[in-house]
Amino acid sequence: MKLSAVSRVLVPSALLLGLASGCASLPEPVATPNGQPLSVREHTETQQYTVKEKVGEVEYKNQSGQKIGSSDVYQNKVKTVEYQVWHAYQGNQQISDDDLYRIAQDEKAAREVQSKRETGVFLNRLGLGGLALGVLAAGAGYALASQQSVGDDPTLSRGLLYGGLITASAGGILTWVGIAKARSEHPLEQQRAVQAADNYNLRLGGGTTTTTAGNVSAR
């Protein structure tokens, strides 16, 4: 039964997907309160990318001048896209959202962020488990298929192999989803961060925070 080509491609691919994602973990506190106000600052970032666009058409004619065909002419063009991003700051030091809510003593927001990140860690661990189980099952299916002779019933070996591949692929995707959730830069919406900063600044006696804008280019 010729299953080696499938196994040699899909099993390592699923394994690499999970390994590339890695293990998720909860971020450690970094910034400490220093008496400076909190703020949320917006930036306009620009990013360039290249696309192929049709710029013309070439016609082909025979000796009698009759059109016998054509081909499109494409050219690379650079496009620019702008988008808004925001970050939290203590004074002029950029800090994480986790540190902002912790410094601002917004316990409700801090608990929501913690819950979202813990969910991400759980999904990540679940995905890694599914990935490992799927690889083992696919390996067992391949080993069993290699030992079978022509005419043997391939149901079990194929079930283990393809079931393992599906499980490993799903585990790899879940691993990536979990780590993305656990490491999300902004677990809550921008307005929640602004409100937390405003309340903290009022307690400091420095008034509410201001949201400032800047320009950052990225390629």
N, C-alpha and C. Protein backbone atom coordinates (compact mmCIF):
# COMPACT_ATOMS: atom_id res chain seq x y z
N MET A 1 0.85 -1.19 0.00
CA MET A 1 0.00 0.00 0.00
C MET A 1 0.89 1.24 0.00
N LYS A 2 0.78 2.12 -0.97
CA LYS A 2 1.67 3.25 -1.14
C LYS A 2 1.17 4.47 -0.35
N LEU A 3 1.58 4.51 0.89
CA LEU A 3 1.18 5.62 1.75
C LEU A 3 2.37 6.48 2.17
N SER A 4 3.58 6.08 1.77
CA SER A 4 4.78 6.75 2.25
C SER A 4 4.83 8.21 1.81
N ALA A 5 4.42 8.51 0.59
CA ALA A 5 4.49 9.89 0.10
C ALA A 5 3.60 10.81 0.92
N VAL A 6 2.39 10.35 1.25
CA VAL A 6 1.49 11.15 2.07
C VAL A 6 2.09 11.37 3.45
N SER A 7 2.62 10.31 4.06
CA SER A 7 3.15 10.39 5.41
C SER A 7 4.36 11.32 5.48
N ARG A 8 5.23 11.22 4.50
CA ARG A 8 6.47 12.00 4.54
C ARG A 8 6.23 13.49 4.34
N VAL A 9 5.09 13.85 3.79
CA VAL A 9 4.79 15.27 3.57
C VAL A 9 3.91 15.83 4.66
N LEU A 10 2.78 15.18 4.95
CA LEU A 10 1.79 15.75 5.85
C LEU A 10 2.18 15.64 7.32
N VAL A 11 2.77 14.53 7.73
CA VAL A 11 3.14 14.40 9.13
C VAL A 11 4.19 15.43 9.54
N PRO A 12 5.31 15.58 8.80
CA PRO A 12 6.26 16.63 9.17
C PRO A 12 5.65 18.02 9.09
N SER A 13 4.75 18.25 8.12
CA SER A 13 4.13 19.57 8.00
C SER A 13 3.30 19.92 9.23
N ALA A 14 2.52 18.96 9.69
CA ALA A 14 1.71 19.18 10.89
C ALA A 14 2.61 19.41 12.11
N LEU A 15 3.68 18.62 12.20
CA LEU A 15 4.60 18.77 13.32
C LEU A 15 5.28 20.13 13.31
N LEU A 16 5.72 20.57 12.13
CA LEU A 16 6.38 21.86 12.02
C LEU A 16 5.44 23.01 12.35
N LEU A 17 4.15 22.87 11.99
CA LEU A 17 3.18 23.90 12.29
C LEU A 17 3.07 24.12 13.79
N GLY A 18 3.01 23.02 14.53
CA GLY A 18 2.92 23.14 15.98
C GLY A 18 4.20 23.66 16.60
N LEU A 19 5.35 23.16 16.12
CA LEU A 19 6.63 23.60 16.66
C LEU A 19 6.88 25.07 16.37
N ALA A 20 6.44 25.53 15.18
CA ALA A 20 6.62 26.94 14.84
C ALA A 20 5.79 27.83 15.75
N SER A 21 4.63 27.33 16.16
CA SER A 21 3.80 28.12 17.06
C SER A 21 4.41 28.19 18.44
N GLY A 22 4.94 27.07 18.94
CA GLY A 22 5.57 27.05 20.24
C GLY A 22 4.56 26.95 21.37
N CYS A 23 5.08 27.13 22.57
CA CYS A 23 4.25 27.06 23.78
C CYS A 23 3.85 28.46 24.21
N ALA A 24 2.57 28.62 24.53
CA ALA A 24 2.08 29.91 25.02
C ALA A 24 2.32 30.00 26.51
N SER A 25 2.49 31.22 27.00
CA SER A 25 2.66 31.45 28.43
C SER A 25 2.13 32.82 28.77
N LEU A 26 1.80 33.02 30.03
CA LEU A 26 1.29 34.31 30.48
C LEU A 26 2.44 35.30 30.61
N PRO A 27 2.26 36.53 30.14
CA PRO A 27 3.34 37.52 30.22
C PRO A 27 3.61 37.95 31.66
N GLU A 28 4.87 38.18 31.95
CA GLU A 28 5.26 38.66 33.27
C GLU A 28 5.13 40.19 33.34
N PRO A 29 4.78 40.73 34.51
CA PRO A 29 4.74 42.19 34.65
C PRO A 29 6.11 42.80 34.36
N VAL A 30 6.12 43.94 33.67
CA VAL A 30 7.36 44.60 33.30
C VAL A 30 7.44 46.00 33.91
N ALA A 31 6.48 46.83 33.57
CA ALA A 31 6.51 48.22 34.05
C ALA A 31 6.00 48.29 35.49
N THR A 32 6.55 49.23 36.25
CA THR A 32 6.10 49.49 37.61
C THR A 32 5.63 50.93 37.71
N PRO A 33 4.68 51.22 38.60
CA PRO A 33 4.19 52.61 38.74
C PRO A 33 5.34 53.55 39.12
N ASN A 34 5.45 54.66 38.40
CA ASN A 34 6.50 55.63 38.70
C ASN A 34 5.96 57.04 38.90
N GLY A 35 4.62 57.15 39.02
CA GLY A 35 4.03 58.45 39.28
C GLY A 35 3.74 59.27 38.04
N GLN A 36 4.12 58.76 36.86
CA GLN A 36 3.86 59.48 35.63
C GLN A 36 2.49 59.09 35.08
N PRO A 37 1.85 59.99 34.33
CA PRO A 37 0.50 59.69 33.81
C PRO A 37 0.52 58.59 32.76
N LEU A 38 -0.62 57.94 32.61
CA LEU A 38 -0.81 56.93 31.57
C LEU A 38 -1.48 57.58 30.37
N SER A 39 -1.21 57.05 29.21
CA SER A 39 -1.84 57.58 27.99
C SER A 39 -1.95 56.49 26.95
N VAL A 40 -2.80 56.74 25.98
CA VAL A 40 -2.95 55.86 24.82
C VAL A 40 -2.65 56.70 23.60
N ARG A 41 -1.67 56.28 22.83
CA ARG A 41 -1.22 57.07 21.68
C ARG A 41 -1.47 56.30 20.39
N GLU A 42 -2.01 57.01 19.42
CA GLU A 42 -2.30 56.42 18.12
C GLU A 42 -1.20 56.78 17.13
N HIS A 43 -0.96 55.89 16.22
CA HIS A 43 0.02 56.10 15.16
C HIS A 43 -0.58 55.66 13.83
N THR A 44 -0.26 56.37 12.79
CA THR A 44 -0.62 55.95 11.44
C THR A 44 0.58 55.28 10.82
N GLU A 45 0.46 54.00 10.54
CA GLU A 45 1.56 53.26 9.93
C GLU A 45 1.26 53.05 8.45
N THR A 46 2.30 53.07 7.66
CA THR A 46 2.17 52.82 6.23
C THR A 46 2.99 51.59 5.86
N GLN A 47 2.44 50.78 4.99
CA GLN A 47 3.13 49.58 4.54
C GLN A 47 3.00 49.46 3.04
N GLN A 48 4.09 49.10 2.39
CA GLN A 48 4.10 48.96 0.94
C GLN A 48 4.13 47.49 0.54
N TYR A 49 3.44 47.18 -0.54
CA TYR A 49 3.45 45.83 -1.08
C TYR A 49 3.37 45.91 -2.60
N THR A 50 3.80 44.86 -3.25
CA THR A 50 3.87 44.84 -4.71
C THR A 50 2.80 43.91 -5.28
N VAL A 51 2.10 44.39 -6.31
CA VAL A 51 1.09 43.58 -6.98
C VAL A 51 1.34 43.63 -8.49
N LYS A 52 0.82 42.63 -9.19
CA LYS A 52 0.90 42.63 -10.65
C LYS A 52 -0.41 43.18 -11.21
N GLU A 53 -0.29 44.18 -12.07
CA GLU A 53 -1.47 44.77 -12.68
C GLU A 53 -1.35 44.71 -14.20
N LYS A 54 -2.51 44.51 -14.84
CA LYS A 54 -2.54 44.48 -16.30
C LYS A 54 -2.36 45.89 -16.85
N VAL A 55 -1.38 46.08 -17.73
CA VAL A 55 -1.09 47.40 -18.28
C VAL A 55 -1.31 47.45 -19.80
N GLY A 56 -1.60 46.32 -20.41
CA GLY A 56 -1.81 46.34 -21.85
C GLY A 56 -2.08 44.94 -22.39
N GLU A 57 -2.15 44.88 -23.70
CA GLU A 57 -2.44 43.61 -24.36
C GLU A 57 -1.70 43.56 -25.68
N VAL A 58 -1.15 42.41 -26.00
CA VAL A 58 -0.43 42.21 -27.25
C VAL A 58 -1.26 41.30 -28.15
N GLU A 59 -1.49 41.75 -29.39
CA GLU A 59 -2.26 40.95 -30.34
C GLU A 59 -1.31 40.26 -31.32
N TYR A 60 -1.69 39.05 -31.68
CA TYR A 60 -0.91 38.28 -32.64
C TYR A 60 -1.75 38.10 -33.92
N LYS A 61 -1.13 38.41 -35.07
CA LYS A 61 -1.83 38.33 -36.34
C LYS A 61 -1.05 37.45 -37.30
N ASN A 62 -1.80 36.86 -38.22
CA ASN A 62 -1.14 36.05 -39.25
C ASN A 62 -0.69 36.94 -40.39
N GLN A 63 -0.17 36.32 -41.46
CA GLN A 63 0.36 37.08 -42.59
C GLN A 63 -0.73 37.89 -43.30
N SER A 64 -1.98 37.47 -43.15
CA SER A 64 -3.09 38.20 -43.79
C SER A 64 -3.59 39.34 -42.93
N GLY A 65 -3.02 39.52 -41.75
CA GLY A 65 -3.46 40.59 -40.87
C GLY A 65 -4.61 40.23 -39.97
N GLN A 66 -5.02 38.96 -39.97
CA GLN A 66 -6.12 38.54 -39.12
C GLN A 66 -5.60 38.20 -37.71
N LYS A 67 -6.38 38.60 -36.73
CA LYS A 67 -6.01 38.34 -35.34
C LYS A 67 -6.15 36.85 -35.02
N ILE A 68 -5.09 36.27 -34.52
CA ILE A 68 -5.12 34.84 -34.22
C ILE A 68 -4.94 34.57 -32.72
N GLY A 69 -4.70 35.64 -31.98
CA GLY A 69 -4.55 35.44 -30.53
C GLY A 69 -4.07 36.71 -29.87
N SER A 70 -3.99 36.66 -28.54
CA SER A 70 -3.53 37.82 -27.78
C SER A 70 -2.98 37.35 -26.43
N SER A 71 -2.24 38.22 -25.81
CA SER A 71 -1.72 37.93 -24.47
C SER A 71 -1.70 39.23 -23.67
N ASP A 72 -1.95 39.10 -22.39
CA ASP A 72 -1.96 40.27 -21.51
C ASP A 72 -0.55 40.61 -21.07
N VAL A 73 -0.32 41.90 -20.86
CA VAL A 73 0.96 42.39 -20.38
C VAL A 73 0.78 42.90 -18.95
N TYR A 74 1.60 42.37 -18.04
CA TYR A 74 1.49 42.76 -16.63
C TYR A 74 2.77 43.46 -16.18
N GLN A 75 2.60 44.32 -15.19
CA GLN A 75 3.74 45.05 -14.65
C GLN A 75 3.59 45.13 -13.13
N ASN A 76 4.72 45.02 -12.44
CA ASN A 76 4.69 45.15 -10.98
C ASN A 76 4.46 46.60 -10.58
N LYS A 77 3.54 46.83 -9.67
CA LYS A 77 3.26 48.16 -9.16
C LYS A 77 3.28 48.13 -7.63
N VAL A 78 3.84 49.18 -7.06
CA VAL A 78 3.94 49.29 -5.61
C VAL A 78 2.71 50.00 -5.06
N LYS A 79 2.04 49.36 -4.12
CA LYS A 79 0.87 49.94 -3.48
C LYS A 79 1.22 50.31 -2.05
N THR A 80 0.55 51.32 -1.54
CA THR A 80 0.75 51.76 -0.17
C THR A 80 -0.58 51.74 0.58
N VAL A 81 -0.57 51.14 1.77
CA VAL A 81 -1.78 51.09 2.59
C VAL A 81 -1.46 51.73 3.94
N GLU A 82 -2.41 52.48 4.47
CA GLU A 82 -2.25 53.11 5.78
C GLU A 82 -3.25 52.50 6.77
N TYR A 83 -2.83 52.35 8.01
CA TYR A 83 -3.72 51.82 9.03
C TYR A 83 -3.32 52.39 10.39
N GLN A 84 -4.30 52.44 11.29
CA GLN A 84 -4.09 53.02 12.61
C GLN A 84 -3.71 51.93 13.62
N VAL A 85 -2.74 52.23 14.45
CA VAL A 85 -2.37 51.36 15.57
C VAL A 85 -2.30 52.21 16.82
N TRP A 86 -2.35 51.56 17.97
CA TRP A 86 -2.25 52.30 19.22
C TRP A 86 -1.46 51.50 20.24
N HIS A 87 -0.87 52.24 21.18
CA HIS A 87 -0.08 51.62 22.23
C HIS A 87 -0.31 52.38 23.53
N ALA A 88 -0.08 51.70 24.63
CA ALA A 88 -0.20 52.31 25.95
C ALA A 88 1.16 52.84 26.40
N TYR A 89 1.12 53.95 27.14
CA TYR A 89 2.37 54.56 27.62
C TYR A 89 2.23 54.96 29.08
N GLN A 90 3.33 54.89 29.79
CA GLN A 90 3.47 55.52 31.10
C GLN A 90 4.54 56.58 30.96
N GLY A 91 4.12 57.83 31.00
CA GLY A 91 5.05 58.89 30.62
C GLY A 91 5.36 58.75 29.14
N ASN A 92 6.63 58.64 28.82
CA ASN A 92 7.04 58.43 27.43
C ASN A 92 7.52 57.00 27.18
N GLN A 93 7.29 56.12 28.15
CA GLN A 93 7.70 54.73 28.01
C GLN A 93 6.53 53.88 27.56
N GLN A 94 6.70 53.18 26.45
CA GLN A 94 5.63 52.29 25.98
C GLN A 94 5.54 51.08 26.91
N ILE A 95 4.32 50.73 27.28
CA ILE A 95 4.08 49.59 28.17
C ILE A 95 3.02 48.68 27.55
N SER A 96 2.89 47.50 28.09
CA SER A 96 1.88 46.56 27.60
C SER A 96 0.51 46.93 28.16
N ASP A 97 -0.52 46.41 27.52
CA ASP A 97 -1.88 46.63 28.04
C ASP A 97 -2.02 46.02 29.43
N ASP A 98 -1.38 44.87 29.66
CA ASP A 98 -1.45 44.22 30.96
C ASP A 98 -0.91 45.14 32.05
N ASP A 99 0.23 45.77 31.77
CA ASP A 99 0.82 46.68 32.75
C ASP A 99 -0.03 47.92 32.94
N LEU A 100 -0.65 48.40 31.86
CA LEU A 100 -1.50 49.59 31.99
C LEU A 100 -2.65 49.33 32.95
N TYR A 101 -3.36 48.22 32.76
CA TYR A 101 -4.50 47.93 33.64
C TYR A 101 -4.04 47.66 35.07
N ARG A 102 -2.87 47.04 35.21
CA ARG A 102 -2.36 46.76 36.54
C ARG A 102 -1.98 48.05 37.26
N ILE A 103 -1.26 48.94 36.55
CA ILE A 103 -0.85 50.21 37.15
C ILE A 103 -2.07 51.07 37.45
N ALA A 104 -3.04 51.06 36.53
CA ALA A 104 -4.25 51.87 36.71
C ALA A 104 -5.19 51.28 37.76
N GLN A 105 -4.88 50.08 38.26
CA GLN A 105 -5.70 49.39 39.27
C GLN A 105 -7.13 49.16 38.77
N ASP A 106 -7.23 48.88 37.47
CA ASP A 106 -8.52 48.52 36.87
C ASP A 106 -8.63 46.99 36.98
N GLU A 107 -9.13 46.52 38.12
CA GLU A 107 -9.14 45.10 38.39
C GLU A 107 -10.04 44.32 37.44
N LYS A 108 -11.18 44.92 37.06
CA LYS A 108 -12.09 44.24 36.16
C LYS A 108 -11.43 43.99 34.80
N ALA A 109 -10.80 45.02 34.25
CA ALA A 109 -10.12 44.86 32.96
C ALA A 109 -8.96 43.89 33.08
N ALA A 110 -8.23 43.97 34.18
CA ALA A 110 -7.09 43.07 34.38
C ALA A 110 -7.55 41.62 34.43
N ARG A 111 -8.69 41.36 35.08
CA ARG A 111 -9.21 39.99 35.15
C ARG A 111 -9.65 39.51 33.77
N GLU A 112 -10.26 40.40 32.97
CA GLU A 112 -10.69 40.01 31.63
C GLU A 112 -9.48 39.66 30.76
N VAL A 113 -8.44 40.47 30.85
CA VAL A 113 -7.23 40.20 30.09
C VAL A 113 -6.62 38.87 30.53
N GLN A 114 -6.55 38.65 31.84
CA GLN A 114 -6.00 37.41 32.37
C GLN A 114 -6.79 36.21 31.88
N SER A 115 -8.12 36.33 31.89
CA SER A 115 -8.97 35.23 31.45
C SER A 115 -8.75 34.90 29.97
N LYS A 116 -8.65 35.93 29.13
CA LYS A 116 -8.42 35.71 27.71
C LYS A 116 -7.07 35.03 27.47
N ARG A 117 -6.06 35.47 28.19
CA ARG A 117 -4.74 34.89 28.00
C ARG A 117 -4.69 33.45 28.52
N GLU A 118 -5.36 33.18 29.64
CA GLU A 118 -5.39 31.82 30.17
C GLU A 118 -6.13 30.89 29.21
N THR A 119 -7.18 31.39 28.56
CA THR A 119 -7.88 30.59 27.55
C THR A 119 -6.95 30.26 26.40
N GLY A 120 -6.15 31.23 26.00
CA GLY A 120 -5.19 30.99 24.94
C GLY A 120 -4.17 29.94 25.31
N VAL A 121 -3.68 29.99 26.54
CA VAL A 121 -2.72 28.98 27.01
C VAL A 121 -3.36 27.60 27.01
N PHE A 122 -4.61 27.52 27.46
CA PHE A 122 -5.32 26.23 27.48
C PHE A 122 -5.46 25.67 26.06
N LEU A 123 -5.89 26.52 25.12
CA LEU A 123 -6.04 26.07 23.73
C LEU A 123 -4.69 25.63 23.15
N ASN A 124 -3.64 26.34 23.53
CA ASN A 124 -2.31 26.00 23.05
C ASN A 124 -1.88 24.63 23.55
N ARG A 125 -2.11 24.37 24.83
CA ARG A 125 -1.74 23.07 25.39
C ARG A 125 -2.59 21.95 24.78
N LEU A 126 -3.88 22.24 24.58
CA LEU A 126 -4.77 21.26 23.97
C LEU A 126 -4.32 20.94 22.55
N GLY A 127 -3.92 21.99 21.81
CA GLY A 127 -3.44 21.79 20.45
C GLY A 127 -2.16 20.99 20.40
N LEU A 128 -1.23 21.26 21.32
CA LEU A 128 0.02 20.51 21.35
C LEU A 128 -0.25 19.03 21.65
N GLY A 129 -1.22 18.78 22.55
CA GLY A 129 -1.58 17.40 22.85
C GLY A 129 -2.17 16.70 21.64
N GLY A 130 -3.07 17.39 20.92
CA GLY A 130 -3.65 16.82 19.72
C GLY A 130 -2.61 16.60 18.64
N LEU A 131 -1.66 17.51 18.55
CA LEU A 131 -0.59 17.37 17.56
C LEU A 131 0.25 16.14 17.85
N ALA A 132 0.64 15.97 19.11
CA ALA A 132 1.46 14.81 19.47
C ALA A 132 0.69 13.51 19.26
N LEU A 133 -0.57 13.49 19.69
CA LEU A 133 -1.39 12.29 19.52
C LEU A 133 -1.57 11.95 18.05
N GLY A 134 -1.82 12.97 17.24
CA GLY A 134 -2.02 12.74 15.81
C GLY A 134 -0.78 12.20 15.12
N VAL A 135 0.39 12.74 15.49
CA VAL A 135 1.64 12.27 14.89
C VAL A 135 1.89 10.81 15.28
N LEU A 136 1.63 10.49 16.54
CA LEU A 136 1.81 9.10 16.98
C LEU A 136 0.88 8.15 16.24
N ALA A 137 -0.40 8.56 16.10
CA ALA A 137 -1.36 7.71 15.40
C ALA A 137 -0.99 7.55 13.94
N ALA A 138 -0.58 8.64 13.30
CA ALA A 138 -0.18 8.55 11.89
C ALA A 138 1.05 7.68 11.72
N GLY A 139 2.00 7.80 12.67
CA GLY A 139 3.19 6.96 12.61
C GLY A 139 2.85 5.49 12.78
N ALA A 140 1.92 5.21 13.70
CA ALA A 140 1.50 3.82 13.91
C ALA A 140 0.80 3.28 12.67
N GLY A 141 -0.05 4.10 12.04
CA GLY A 141 -0.73 3.68 10.83
C GLY A 141 0.23 3.40 9.70
N TYR A 142 1.24 4.24 9.56
CA TYR A 142 2.23 4.03 8.51
C TYR A 142 3.05 2.76 8.76
N ALA A 143 3.42 2.56 10.04
CA ALA A 143 4.19 1.35 10.38
C ALA A 143 3.38 0.09 10.10
N LEU A 144 2.09 0.13 10.46
CA LEU A 144 1.23 -1.03 10.22
C LEU A 144 1.06 -1.29 8.72
N ALA A 145 0.91 -0.21 7.96
CA ALA A 145 0.73 -0.36 6.51
C ALA A 145 1.98 -0.93 5.86
N SER A 146 3.15 -0.57 6.39
CA SER A 146 4.41 -1.06 5.82
C SER A 146 4.58 -2.56 6.02
N GLN A 147 3.94 -3.08 7.06
CA GLN A 147 4.08 -4.51 7.35
C GLN A 147 3.03 -5.38 6.66
N GLN A 148 2.03 -4.72 6.06
CA GLN A 148 0.95 -5.49 5.43
C GLN A 148 1.35 -5.97 4.04
N SER A 149 0.79 -7.09 3.68
CA SER A 149 1.02 -7.66 2.35
C SER A 149 -0.14 -7.32 1.44
N VAL A 150 0.05 -7.56 0.15
CA VAL A 150 -1.02 -7.33 -0.82
C VAL A 150 -2.20 -8.23 -0.48
N GLY A 151 -3.36 -7.68 -0.41
CA GLY A 151 -4.55 -8.44 -0.08
C GLY A 151 -4.99 -8.28 1.36
N ASP A 152 -4.12 -7.75 2.23
CA ASP A 152 -4.51 -7.51 3.62
C ASP A 152 -5.50 -6.36 3.69
N ASP A 153 -6.36 -6.39 4.69
CA ASP A 153 -7.35 -5.32 4.88
C ASP A 153 -6.65 -4.06 5.37
N PRO A 154 -6.69 -2.97 4.60
CA PRO A 154 -5.98 -1.74 4.99
C PRO A 154 -6.82 -0.79 5.84
N THR A 155 -8.00 -1.21 6.28
CA THR A 155 -8.90 -0.29 6.97
C THR A 155 -8.27 0.31 8.22
N LEU A 156 -7.67 -0.54 9.06
CA LEU A 156 -7.10 -0.06 10.32
C LEU A 156 -5.92 0.87 10.09
N SER A 157 -5.01 0.45 9.21
CA SER A 157 -3.81 1.26 8.97
C SER A 157 -4.17 2.60 8.35
N ARG A 158 -5.08 2.59 7.41
CA ARG A 158 -5.50 3.85 6.79
C ARG A 158 -6.24 4.73 7.78
N GLY A 159 -7.07 4.10 8.63
CA GLY A 159 -7.79 4.87 9.64
C GLY A 159 -6.84 5.56 10.59
N LEU A 160 -5.82 4.83 11.04
CA LEU A 160 -4.83 5.43 11.94
C LEU A 160 -4.04 6.53 11.24
N LEU A 161 -3.63 6.25 10.01
CA LEU A 161 -2.82 7.22 9.28
C LEU A 161 -3.57 8.51 9.00
N TYR A 162 -4.70 8.42 8.34
CA TYR A 162 -5.43 9.62 7.95
C TYR A 162 -6.11 10.29 9.14
N GLY A 163 -6.58 9.46 10.09
CA GLY A 163 -7.13 10.05 11.31
C GLY A 163 -6.06 10.80 12.08
N GLY A 164 -4.86 10.22 12.11
CA GLY A 164 -3.75 10.89 12.78
C GLY A 164 -3.35 12.17 12.09
N LEU A 165 -3.35 12.16 10.76
CA LEU A 165 -3.01 13.37 10.01
C LEU A 165 -4.01 14.49 10.28
N ILE A 166 -5.29 14.13 10.30
CA ILE A 166 -6.32 15.14 10.56
C ILE A 166 -6.18 15.69 11.97
N THR A 167 -5.96 14.79 12.94
CA THR A 167 -5.81 15.21 14.34
C THR A 167 -4.57 16.10 14.51
N ALA A 168 -3.47 15.71 13.87
CA ALA A 168 -2.24 16.49 13.97
C ALA A 168 -2.41 17.87 13.35
N SER A 169 -3.08 17.92 12.19
CA SER A 169 -3.31 19.21 11.53
C SER A 169 -4.18 20.12 12.38
N ALA A 170 -5.27 19.54 12.94
CA ALA A 170 -6.15 20.32 13.81
C ALA A 170 -5.40 20.78 15.05
N GLY A 171 -4.55 19.90 15.59
CA GLY A 171 -3.76 20.27 16.76
C GLY A 171 -2.79 21.40 16.45
N GLY A 172 -2.17 21.36 15.27
CA GLY A 172 -1.25 22.42 14.88
C GLY A 172 -1.95 23.77 14.75
N ILE A 173 -3.15 23.75 14.16
CA ILE A 173 -3.92 24.99 14.02
C ILE A 173 -4.34 25.52 15.39
N LEU A 174 -4.82 24.61 16.26
CA LEU A 174 -5.25 25.01 17.60
C LEU A 174 -4.08 25.55 18.42
N THR A 175 -2.90 24.97 18.22
CA THR A 175 -1.71 25.47 18.89
C THR A 175 -1.44 26.91 18.50
N TRP A 176 -1.55 27.20 17.21
CA TRP A 176 -1.31 28.56 16.72
C TRP A 176 -2.38 29.52 17.21
N VAL A 177 -3.65 29.10 17.19
CA VAL A 177 -4.74 29.95 17.67
C VAL A 177 -4.54 30.29 19.15
N GLY A 178 -4.16 29.29 19.93
CA GLY A 178 -3.96 29.51 21.35
C GLY A 178 -2.84 30.48 21.64
N ILE A 179 -1.73 30.35 20.94
CA ILE A 179 -0.61 31.24 21.21
C ILE A 179 -0.91 32.66 20.74
N ALA A 180 -1.69 32.78 19.65
CA ALA A 180 -2.08 34.12 19.18
C ALA A 180 -2.98 34.80 20.21
N LYS A 181 -3.87 34.03 20.82
CA LYS A 181 -4.78 34.58 21.83
C LYS A 181 -4.02 34.93 23.10
N ALA A 182 -3.10 34.07 23.49
CA ALA A 182 -2.35 34.31 24.72
C ALA A 182 -1.41 35.50 24.59
N ARG A 183 -0.91 35.75 23.38
CA ARG A 183 0.05 36.83 23.17
C ARG A 183 -0.56 38.05 22.49
N SER A 184 -1.87 38.12 22.44
CA SER A 184 -2.53 39.24 21.78
C SER A 184 -2.05 40.57 22.35
N GLU A 185 -1.70 41.50 21.48
CA GLU A 185 -1.19 42.80 21.95
C GLU A 185 -2.28 43.60 22.65
N HIS A 186 -3.50 43.53 22.11
CA HIS A 186 -4.61 44.30 22.68
C HIS A 186 -5.80 43.36 22.94
N PRO A 187 -5.82 42.70 24.09
CA PRO A 187 -6.93 41.79 24.39
C PRO A 187 -8.27 42.51 24.51
N LEU A 188 -8.27 43.77 24.92
CA LEU A 188 -9.50 44.55 25.05
C LEU A 188 -9.45 45.73 24.08
N GLU A 189 -10.62 46.34 23.84
CA GLU A 189 -10.70 47.42 22.88
C GLU A 189 -9.98 48.67 23.39
N GLN A 190 -9.65 49.56 22.48
CA GLN A 190 -8.88 50.76 22.81
C GLN A 190 -9.57 51.63 23.86
N GLN A 191 -10.89 51.75 23.78
CA GLN A 191 -11.62 52.62 24.70
C GLN A 191 -11.46 52.18 26.15
N ARG A 192 -11.34 50.87 26.38
CA ARG A 192 -11.15 50.39 27.74
C ARG A 192 -9.81 50.87 28.29
N ALA A 193 -8.79 50.85 27.46
CA ALA A 193 -7.48 51.33 27.89
C ALA A 193 -7.51 52.83 28.16
N VAL A 194 -8.21 53.59 27.32
CA VAL A 194 -8.32 55.04 27.52
C VAL A 194 -9.03 55.34 28.84
N GLN A 195 -10.11 54.64 29.12
CA GLN A 195 -10.85 54.85 30.35
C GLN A 195 -10.01 54.54 31.58
N ALA A 196 -9.26 53.44 31.52
CA ALA A 196 -8.40 53.08 32.64
C ALA A 196 -7.34 54.15 32.87
N ALA A 197 -6.75 54.66 31.79
CA ALA A 197 -5.73 55.71 31.91
C ALA A 197 -6.34 56.99 32.46
N ASP A 198 -7.53 57.35 31.98
CA ASP A 198 -8.21 58.56 32.46
C ASP A 198 -8.46 58.50 33.97
N ASN A 199 -8.99 57.38 34.42
CA ASN A 199 -9.30 57.23 35.85
C ASN A 199 -8.03 57.30 36.70
N TYR A 200 -6.97 56.70 36.22
CA TYR A 200 -5.71 56.73 36.95
C TYR A 200 -5.15 58.15 37.01
N ASN A 201 -5.20 58.86 35.90
CA ASN A 201 -4.66 60.22 35.85
C ASN A 201 -5.45 61.16 36.74
N LEU A 202 -6.75 60.95 36.84
CA LEU A 202 -7.57 61.77 37.72
C LEU A 202 -7.16 61.57 39.18
N ARG A 203 -6.83 60.32 39.53
CA ARG A 203 -6.38 60.06 40.90
C ARG A 203 -5.03 60.68 41.16
N LEU A 204 -4.22 60.79 40.08
CA LEU A 204 -2.92 61.45 40.23
C LEU A 204 -3.06 62.97 40.35
N GLY A 205 -4.23 63.48 39.94
CA GLY A 205 -4.43 64.93 39.96
C GLY A 205 -3.90 65.63 38.72
N GLY A 206 -3.63 64.82 37.67
CA GLY A 206 -3.07 65.42 36.47
C GLY A 206 -4.07 65.55 35.35
N GLY A 207 -5.35 65.35 35.62
CA GLY A 207 -6.34 65.45 34.55
C GLY A 207 -6.42 64.15 33.77
N THR A 208 -7.25 64.15 32.73
CA THR A 208 -7.42 62.94 31.92
C THR A 208 -6.31 62.82 30.91
N THR A 209 -6.20 61.64 30.34
CA THR A 209 -5.16 61.38 29.36
C THR A 209 -5.54 61.96 28.00
N THR A 210 -4.56 62.17 27.18
CA THR A 210 -4.81 62.62 25.81
C THR A 210 -4.32 61.56 24.85
N THR A 211 -5.07 61.35 23.79
CA THR A 211 -4.68 60.40 22.77
C THR A 211 -3.99 61.18 21.66
N THR A 212 -2.70 60.91 21.48
CA THR A 212 -1.93 61.64 20.49
C THR A 212 -1.71 60.77 19.26
N ALA A 213 -1.34 61.41 18.17
CA ALA A 213 -1.17 60.69 16.91
C ALA A 213 0.22 60.96 16.37
N GLY A 214 0.76 60.00 15.65
CA GLY A 214 2.04 60.16 15.00
C GLY A 214 2.05 59.35 13.73
N ASN A 215 3.17 59.34 13.03
CA ASN A 215 3.29 58.61 11.78
C ASN A 215 4.49 57.67 11.86
N VAL A 216 4.27 56.44 11.53
CA VAL A 216 5.32 55.45 11.50
C VAL A 216 5.25 54.71 10.19
N SER A 217 6.37 54.57 9.52
CA SER A 217 6.39 53.86 8.24
C SER A 217 7.00 52.50 8.44
N ALA A 218 6.41 51.51 7.76
CA ALA A 218 6.94 50.15 7.84
C ALA A 218 6.92 49.54 6.45
N ARG A 219 7.94 48.77 6.15
CA ARG A 219 8.00 48.11 4.84
C ARG A 219 8.21 46.63 5.04
